[in-house]
Amino acid sequence: MAHGMEATSTIKERSTSSELLTVEETAKVLRSSPYTVRRMLRAGTIRGVKLGNQWRINRSALRSRVGLN
């Protein structure tokens, strides 16, 4: 039974790693302000996609970019 729980944990980690974060969530991860995150997005320091007028940042790409892996 413990083996099944490990598999579930791995699946959750994978889905979390490909999750799209908002600017506010990214700011919490980076321990900075949403303004700084938007500035980093515009400068290309971190990559994101713009959906309408809102930015989304891929969690795994962010972790790789800032060395959190």
PDB file of N, CA and C in Angstrom:
ATOM      1  N   MET A   1       0.821  -1.199   0.000  1.00  0.00           N
ATOM      2  CA  MET A   1       0.000   0.000   0.000  1.00  0.00           C
ATOM      3  C   MET A   1       0.864   1.263   0.000  1.00  0.00           C
ATOM      4  N   ALA A   2       1.969   1.231   0.698  1.00  0.00           N
ATOM      5  CA  ALA A   2       2.855   2.392   0.725  1.00  0.00           C
ATOM      6  C   ALA A   2       3.391   2.694  -0.671  1.00  0.00           C
ATOM      7  N   HIS A   3       3.617   1.647  -1.470  1.00  0.00           N
ATOM      8  CA  HIS A   3       4.111   1.844  -2.827  1.00  0.00           C
ATOM      9  C   HIS A   3       3.129   2.684  -3.640  1.00  0.00           C
ATOM     10  N   GLY A   4       1.837   2.426  -3.515  1.00  0.00           N
ATOM     11  CA  GLY A   4       0.819   3.187  -4.230  1.00  0.00           C
ATOM     12  C   GLY A   4       0.825   4.655  -3.832  1.00  0.00           C
ATOM     13  N   MET A   5       1.101   4.902  -2.568  1.00  0.00           N
ATOM     14  CA  MET A   5       1.149   6.278  -2.096  1.00  0.00           C
ATOM     15  C   MET A   5       2.341   7.015  -2.701  1.00  0.00           C
ATOM     16  N   GLU A   6       3.457   6.319  -2.873  1.00  0.00           N
ATOM     17  CA  GLU A   6       4.625   6.937  -3.492  1.00  0.00           C
ATOM     18  C   GLU A   6       4.328   7.329  -4.929  1.00  0.00           C
ATOM     19  N   ALA A   7       3.641   6.465  -5.652  1.00  0.00           N
ATOM     20  CA  ALA A   7       3.294   6.755  -7.040  1.00  0.00           C
ATOM     21  C   ALA A   7       2.385   7.980  -7.116  1.00  0.00           C
ATOM     22  N   THR A   8       1.425   8.078  -6.198  1.00  0.00           N
ATOM     23  CA  THR A   8       0.532   9.222  -6.177  1.00  0.00           C
ATOM     24  C   THR A   8       1.317  10.494  -5.891  1.00  0.00           C
ATOM     25  N   SER A   9       2.256  10.412  -4.974  1.00  0.00           N
ATOM     26  CA  SER A   9       3.081  11.566  -4.644  1.00  0.00           C
ATOM     27  C   SER A   9       3.871  12.033  -5.856  1.00  0.00           C
ATOM     28  N   THR A  10       4.430  11.104  -6.616  1.00  0.00           N
ATOM     29  CA  THR A  10       5.208  11.436  -7.808  1.00  0.00           C
ATOM     30  C   THR A  10       4.329  12.115  -8.848  1.00  0.00           C
ATOM     31  N   ILE A  11       3.113  11.617  -9.016  1.00  0.00           N
ATOM     32  CA  ILE A  11       2.188  12.217  -9.978  1.00  0.00           C
ATOM     33  C   ILE A  11       1.861  13.642  -9.557  1.00  0.00           C
ATOM     34  N   LYS A  12       1.615  13.872  -8.274  1.00  0.00           N
ATOM     35  CA  LYS A  12       1.321  15.215  -7.797  1.00  0.00           C
ATOM     36  C   LYS A  12       2.502  16.141  -8.023  1.00  0.00           C
ATOM     37  N   GLU A  13       3.722  15.658  -7.778  1.00  0.00           N
ATOM     38  CA  GLU A  13       4.907  16.476  -7.994  1.00  0.00           C
ATOM     39  C   GLU A  13       5.030  16.857  -9.460  1.00  0.00           C
ATOM     40  N   ARG A  14       4.766  15.937 -10.354  1.00  0.00           N
ATOM     41  CA  ARG A  14       4.860  16.239 -11.791  1.00  0.00           C
ATOM     42  C   ARG A  14       3.837  17.273 -12.195  1.00  0.00           C
ATOM     43  N   SER A  15       2.591  17.135 -11.725  1.00  0.00           N
ATOM     44  CA  SER A  15       1.566  18.099 -12.112  1.00  0.00           C
ATOM     45  C   SER A  15       1.861  19.459 -11.511  1.00  0.00           C
ATOM     46  N   THR A  16       2.426  19.486 -10.309  1.00  0.00           N
ATOM     47  CA  THR A  16       2.785  20.745  -9.682  1.00  0.00           C
ATOM     48  C   THR A  16       3.920  21.416 -10.432  1.00  0.00           C
ATOM     49  N   SER A  17       4.886  20.635 -10.919  1.00  0.00           N
ATOM     50  CA  SER A  17       6.048  21.220 -11.577  1.00  0.00           C
ATOM     51  C   SER A  17       5.693  21.855 -12.918  1.00  0.00           C
ATOM     52  N   SER A  18       4.617  21.445 -13.557  1.00  0.00           N
ATOM     53  CA  SER A  18       4.227  22.032 -14.829  1.00  0.00           C
ATOM     54  C   SER A  18       3.105  23.060 -14.649  1.00  0.00           C
ATOM     55  N   GLU A  19       2.812  23.388 -13.430  1.00  0.00           N
ATOM     56  CA  GLU A  19       1.761  24.327 -13.095  1.00  0.00           C
ATOM     57  C   GLU A  19       2.137  25.747 -13.508  1.00  0.00           C
ATOM     58  N   LEU A  20       1.144  26.502 -13.944  1.00  0.00           N
ATOM     59  CA  LEU A  20       1.355  27.900 -14.287  1.00  0.00           C
ATOM     60  C   LEU A  20       1.068  28.760 -13.069  1.00  0.00           C
ATOM     61  N   LEU A  21       1.995  29.639 -12.766  1.00  0.00           N
ATOM     62  CA  LEU A  21       1.867  30.521 -11.610  1.00  0.00           C
ATOM     63  C   LEU A  21       1.443  31.914 -12.044  1.00  0.00           C
ATOM     64  N   THR A  22       0.735  32.608 -11.171  1.00  0.00           N
ATOM     65  CA  THR A  22       0.424  34.011 -11.401  1.00  0.00           C
ATOM     66  C   THR A  22       1.634  34.846 -11.013  1.00  0.00           C
ATOM     67  N   VAL A  23       1.589  36.119 -11.321  1.00  0.00           N
ATOM     68  CA  VAL A  23       2.670  37.023 -10.933  1.00  0.00           C
ATOM     69  C   VAL A  23       2.796  37.059  -9.409  1.00  0.00           C
ATOM     70  N   GLU A  24       1.672  37.076  -8.724  1.00  0.00           N
ATOM     71  CA  GLU A  24       1.685  37.129  -7.265  1.00  0.00           C
ATOM     72  C   GLU A  24       2.289  35.862  -6.663  1.00  0.00           C
ATOM     73  N   GLU A  25       1.935  34.700  -7.207  1.00  0.00           N
ATOM     74  CA  GLU A  25       2.505  33.435  -6.725  1.00  0.00           C
ATOM     75  C   GLU A  25       4.007  33.370  -6.989  1.00  0.00           C
ATOM     76  N   THR A  26       4.401  33.860  -8.165  1.00  0.00           N
ATOM     77  CA  THR A  26       5.829  33.887  -8.509  1.00  0.00           C
ATOM     78  C   THR A  26       6.590  34.799  -7.556  1.00  0.00           C
ATOM     79  N   ALA A  27       5.988  35.923  -7.212  1.00  0.00           N
ATOM     80  CA  ALA A  27       6.619  36.852  -6.279  1.00  0.00           C
ATOM     81  C   ALA A  27       6.858  36.181  -4.932  1.00  0.00           C
ATOM     82  N   LYS A  28       5.912  35.373  -4.480  1.00  0.00           N
ATOM     83  CA  LYS A  28       6.089  34.661  -3.210  1.00  0.00           C
ATOM     84  C   LYS A  28       7.234  33.663  -3.299  1.00  0.00           C
ATOM     85  N   VAL A  29       7.308  32.933  -4.416  1.00  0.00           N
ATOM     86  CA  VAL A  29       8.390  31.963  -4.611  1.00  0.00           C
ATOM     87  C   VAL A  29       9.745  32.668  -4.591  1.00  0.00           C
ATOM     88  N   LEU A  30       9.822  33.810  -5.256  1.00  0.00           N
ATOM     89  CA  LEU A  30      11.080  34.546  -5.365  1.00  0.00           C
ATOM     90  C   LEU A  30      11.328  35.474  -4.171  1.00  0.00           C
ATOM     91  N   ARG A  31      10.335  35.594  -3.314  1.00  0.00           N
ATOM     92  CA  ARG A  31      10.405  36.511  -2.165  1.00  0.00           C
ATOM     93  C   ARG A  31      10.697  37.938  -2.632  1.00  0.00           C
ATOM     94  N   SER A  32       9.904  38.355  -3.607  1.00  0.00           N
ATOM     95  CA  SER A  32      10.027  39.712  -4.134  1.00  0.00           C
ATOM     96  C   SER A  32       8.620  40.265  -4.330  1.00  0.00           C
ATOM     97  N   SER A  33       8.522  41.407  -4.953  1.00  0.00           N
ATOM     98  CA  SER A  33       7.214  42.021  -5.172  1.00  0.00           C
ATOM     99  C   SER A  33       6.667  41.655  -6.553  1.00  0.00           C
ATOM    100  N   PRO A  34       5.345  41.730  -6.729  1.00  0.00           N
ATOM    101  CA  PRO A  34       4.768  41.509  -8.061  1.00  0.00           C
ATOM    102  C   PRO A  34       5.325  42.494  -9.089  1.00  0.00           C
ATOM    103  N   TYR A  35       5.604  43.721  -8.674  1.00  0.00           N
ATOM    104  CA  TYR A  35       6.190  44.712  -9.581  1.00  0.00           C
ATOM    105  C   TYR A  35       7.532  44.214 -10.120  1.00  0.00           C
ATOM    106  N   THR A  36       8.364  43.672  -9.241  1.00  0.00           N
ATOM    107  CA  THR A  36       9.676  43.158  -9.647  1.00  0.00           C
ATOM    108  C   THR A  36       9.526  41.995 -10.616  1.00  0.00           C
ATOM    109  N   VAL A  37       8.567  41.114 -10.357  1.00  0.00           N
ATOM    110  CA  VAL A  37       8.325  39.969 -11.245  1.00  0.00           C
ATOM    111  C   VAL A  37       7.916  40.462 -12.624  1.00  0.00           C
ATOM    112  N   ARG A  38       7.009  41.434 -12.686  1.00  0.00           N
ATOM    113  CA  ARG A  38       6.590  41.978 -13.992  1.00  0.00           C
ATOM    114  C   ARG A  38       7.769  42.618 -14.721  1.00  0.00           C
ATOM    115  N   ARG A  39       8.615  43.315 -13.986  1.00  0.00           N
ATOM    116  CA  ARG A  39       9.802  43.928 -14.584  1.00  0.00           C
ATOM    117  C   ARG A  39      10.738  42.852 -15.140  1.00  0.00           C
ATOM    118  N   MET A  40      10.904  41.759 -14.390  1.00  0.00           N
ATOM    119  CA  MET A  40      11.748  40.649 -14.842  1.00  0.00           C
ATOM    120  C   MET A  40      11.158  39.996 -16.089  1.00  0.00           C
ATOM    121  N   LEU A  41       9.844  39.872 -16.147  1.00  0.00           N
ATOM    122  CA  LEU A  41       9.183  39.299 -17.325  1.00  0.00           C
ATOM    123  C   LEU A  41       9.411  40.181 -18.554  1.00  0.00           C
ATOM    124  N   ARG A  42       9.207  41.480 -18.396  1.00  0.00           N
ATOM    125  CA  ARG A  42       9.406  42.408 -19.530  1.00  0.00           C
ATOM    126  C   ARG A  42      10.856  42.419 -19.995  1.00  0.00           C
ATOM    127  N   ALA A  43      11.796  42.295 -19.069  1.00  0.00           N
ATOM    128  CA  ALA A  43      13.223  42.310 -19.409  1.00  0.00           C
ATOM    129  C   ALA A  43      13.703  40.969 -19.964  1.00  0.00           C
ATOM    130  N   GLY A  44      12.904  39.923 -19.784  1.00  0.00           N
ATOM    131  CA  GLY A  44      13.297  38.599 -20.258  1.00  0.00           C
ATOM    132  C   GLY A  44      14.153  37.830 -19.266  1.00  0.00           C
ATOM    133  N   THR A  45      14.277  38.339 -18.047  1.00  0.00           N
ATOM    134  CA  THR A  45      15.057  37.646 -17.018  1.00  0.00           C
ATOM    135  C   THR A  45      14.400  36.324 -16.649  1.00  0.00           C
ATOM    136  N   ILE A  46      13.079  36.337 -16.581  1.00  0.00           N
ATOM    137  CA  ILE A  46      12.301  35.099 -16.432  1.00  0.00           C
ATOM    138  C   ILE A  46      11.305  35.059 -17.573  1.00  0.00           C
ATOM    139  N   ARG A  47      10.945  33.855 -17.975  1.00  0.00           N
ATOM    140  CA  ARG A  47      10.037  33.695 -19.110  1.00  0.00           C
ATOM    141  C   ARG A  47       8.628  33.425 -18.630  1.00  0.00           C
ATOM    142  N   GLY A  48       7.684  33.939 -19.374  1.00  0.00           N
ATOM    143  CA  GLY A  48       6.282  33.712 -19.075  1.00  0.00           C
ATOM    144  C   GLY A  48       5.454  33.906 -20.324  1.00  0.00           C
ATOM    145  N   VAL A  49       4.174  33.623 -20.205  1.00  0.00           N
ATOM    146  CA  VAL A  49       3.249  33.849 -21.311  1.00  0.00           C
ATOM    147  C   VAL A  49       2.189  34.829 -20.846  1.00  0.00           C
ATOM    148  N   LYS A  50       1.738  35.624 -21.753  1.00  0.00           N
ATOM    149  CA  LYS A  50       0.710  36.595 -21.432  1.00  0.00           C
ATOM    150  C   LYS A  50      -0.622  36.070 -21.951  1.00  0.00           C
ATOM    151  N   LEU A  51      -1.557  35.900 -21.042  1.00  0.00           N
ATOM    152  CA  LEU A  51      -2.908  35.453 -21.385  1.00  0.00           C
ATOM    153  C   LEU A  51      -3.835  36.637 -21.157  1.00  0.00           C
ATOM    154  N   GLY A  52      -4.244  37.246 -22.253  1.00  0.00           N
ATOM    155  CA  GLY A  52      -5.012  38.482 -22.118  1.00  0.00           C
ATOM    156  C   GLY A  52      -4.096  39.551 -21.563  1.00  0.00           C
ATOM    157  N   ASN A  53      -4.438  40.092 -20.400  1.00  0.00           N
ATOM    158  CA  ASN A  53      -3.576  41.103 -19.782  1.00  0.00           C
ATOM    159  C   ASN A  53      -2.863  40.570 -18.542  1.00  0.00           C
ATOM    160  N   GLN A  54      -2.838  39.250 -18.370  1.00  0.00           N
ATOM    161  CA  GLN A  54      -2.209  38.649 -17.202  1.00  0.00           C
ATOM    162  C   GLN A  54      -1.071  37.722 -17.606  1.00  0.00           C
ATOM    163  N   TRP A  55       0.009  37.769 -16.835  1.00  0.00           N
ATOM    164  CA  TRP A  55       1.155  36.899 -17.057  1.00  0.00           C
ATOM    165  C   TRP A  55       0.958  35.582 -16.347  1.00  0.00           C
ATOM    166  N   ARG A  56       1.516  34.498 -16.941  1.00  0.00           N
ATOM    167  CA  ARG A  56       1.587  33.186 -16.298  1.00  0.00           C
ATOM    168  C   ARG A  56       3.010  32.681 -16.471  1.00  0.00           C
ATOM    169  N   ILE A  57       3.529  32.084 -15.400  1.00  0.00           N
ATOM    170  CA  ILE A  57       4.914  31.613 -15.389  1.00  0.00           C
ATOM    171  C   ILE A  57       4.906  30.129 -15.068  1.00  0.00           C
ATOM    172  N   ASN A  58       5.600  29.339 -15.868  1.00  0.00           N
ATOM    173  CA  ASN A  58       5.685  27.897 -15.643  1.00  0.00           C
ATOM    174  C   ASN A  58       6.584  27.633 -14.431  1.00  0.00           C
ATOM    175  N   ARG A  59       6.047  26.903 -13.444  1.00  0.00           N
ATOM    176  CA  ARG A  59       6.765  26.665 -12.194  1.00  0.00           C
ATOM    177  C   ARG A  59       8.113  25.961 -12.424  1.00  0.00           C
ATOM    178  N   SER A  60       8.131  24.928 -13.244  1.00  0.00           N
ATOM    179  CA  SER A  60       9.383  24.184 -13.444  1.00  0.00           C
ATOM    180  C   SER A  60      10.420  25.027 -14.186  1.00  0.00           C
ATOM    181  N   ALA A  61       9.981  25.827 -15.148  1.00  0.00           N
ATOM    182  CA  ALA A  61      10.909  26.705 -15.863  1.00  0.00           C
ATOM    183  C   ALA A  61      11.470  27.769 -14.923  1.00  0.00           C
ATOM    184  N   LEU A  62      10.628  28.275 -14.046  1.00  0.00           N
ATOM    185  CA  LEU A  62      11.088  29.266 -13.067  1.00  0.00           C
ATOM    186  C   LEU A  62      12.120  28.660 -12.133  1.00  0.00           C
ATOM    187  N   ARG A  63      11.828  27.463 -11.634  1.00  0.00           N
ATOM    188  CA  ARG A  63      12.767  26.792 -10.711  1.00  0.00           C
ATOM    189  C   ARG A  63      14.103  26.549 -11.397  1.00  0.00           C
ATOM    190  N   SER A  64      14.076  26.143 -12.653  1.00  0.00           N
ATOM    191  CA  SER A  64      15.325  25.913 -13.390  1.00  0.00           C
ATOM    192  C   SER A  64      16.080  27.219 -13.599  1.00  0.00           C
ATOM    193  N   ARG A  65      15.360  28.260 -13.941  1.00  0.00           N
ATOM    194  CA  ARG A  65      15.981  29.548 -14.251  1.00  0.00           C
ATOM    195  C   ARG A  65      16.670  30.173 -13.044  1.00  0.00           C
ATOM    196  N   VAL A  66      16.033  30.048 -11.877  1.00  0.00           N
ATOM    197  CA  VAL A  66      16.595  30.702 -10.698  1.00  0.00           C
ATOM    198  C   VAL A  66      17.390  29.735  -9.822  1.00  0.00           C
ATOM    199  N   GLY A  67      17.590  28.506 -10.319  1.00  0.00           N
ATOM    200  CA  GLY A  67      18.434  27.550  -9.631  1.00  0.00           C
ATOM    201  C   GLY A  67      17.829  26.920  -8.392  1.00  0.00           C
ATOM    202  N   LEU A  68      16.520  26.702  -8.395  1.00  0.00           N
ATOM    203  CA  LEU A  68      15.854  26.079  -7.240  1.00  0.00           C
ATOM    204  C   LEU A  68      15.707  24.576  -7.383  1.00  0.00           C
ATOM    205  N   ASN A  69      16.194  23.990  -8.467  1.00  0.00           N
ATOM    206  CA  ASN A  69      16.087  22.524  -8.648  1.00  0.00           C
ATOM    207  C   ASN A  69      17.143  21.803  -7.885  1.00  0.00           C
TER     208      ASN A  69
END
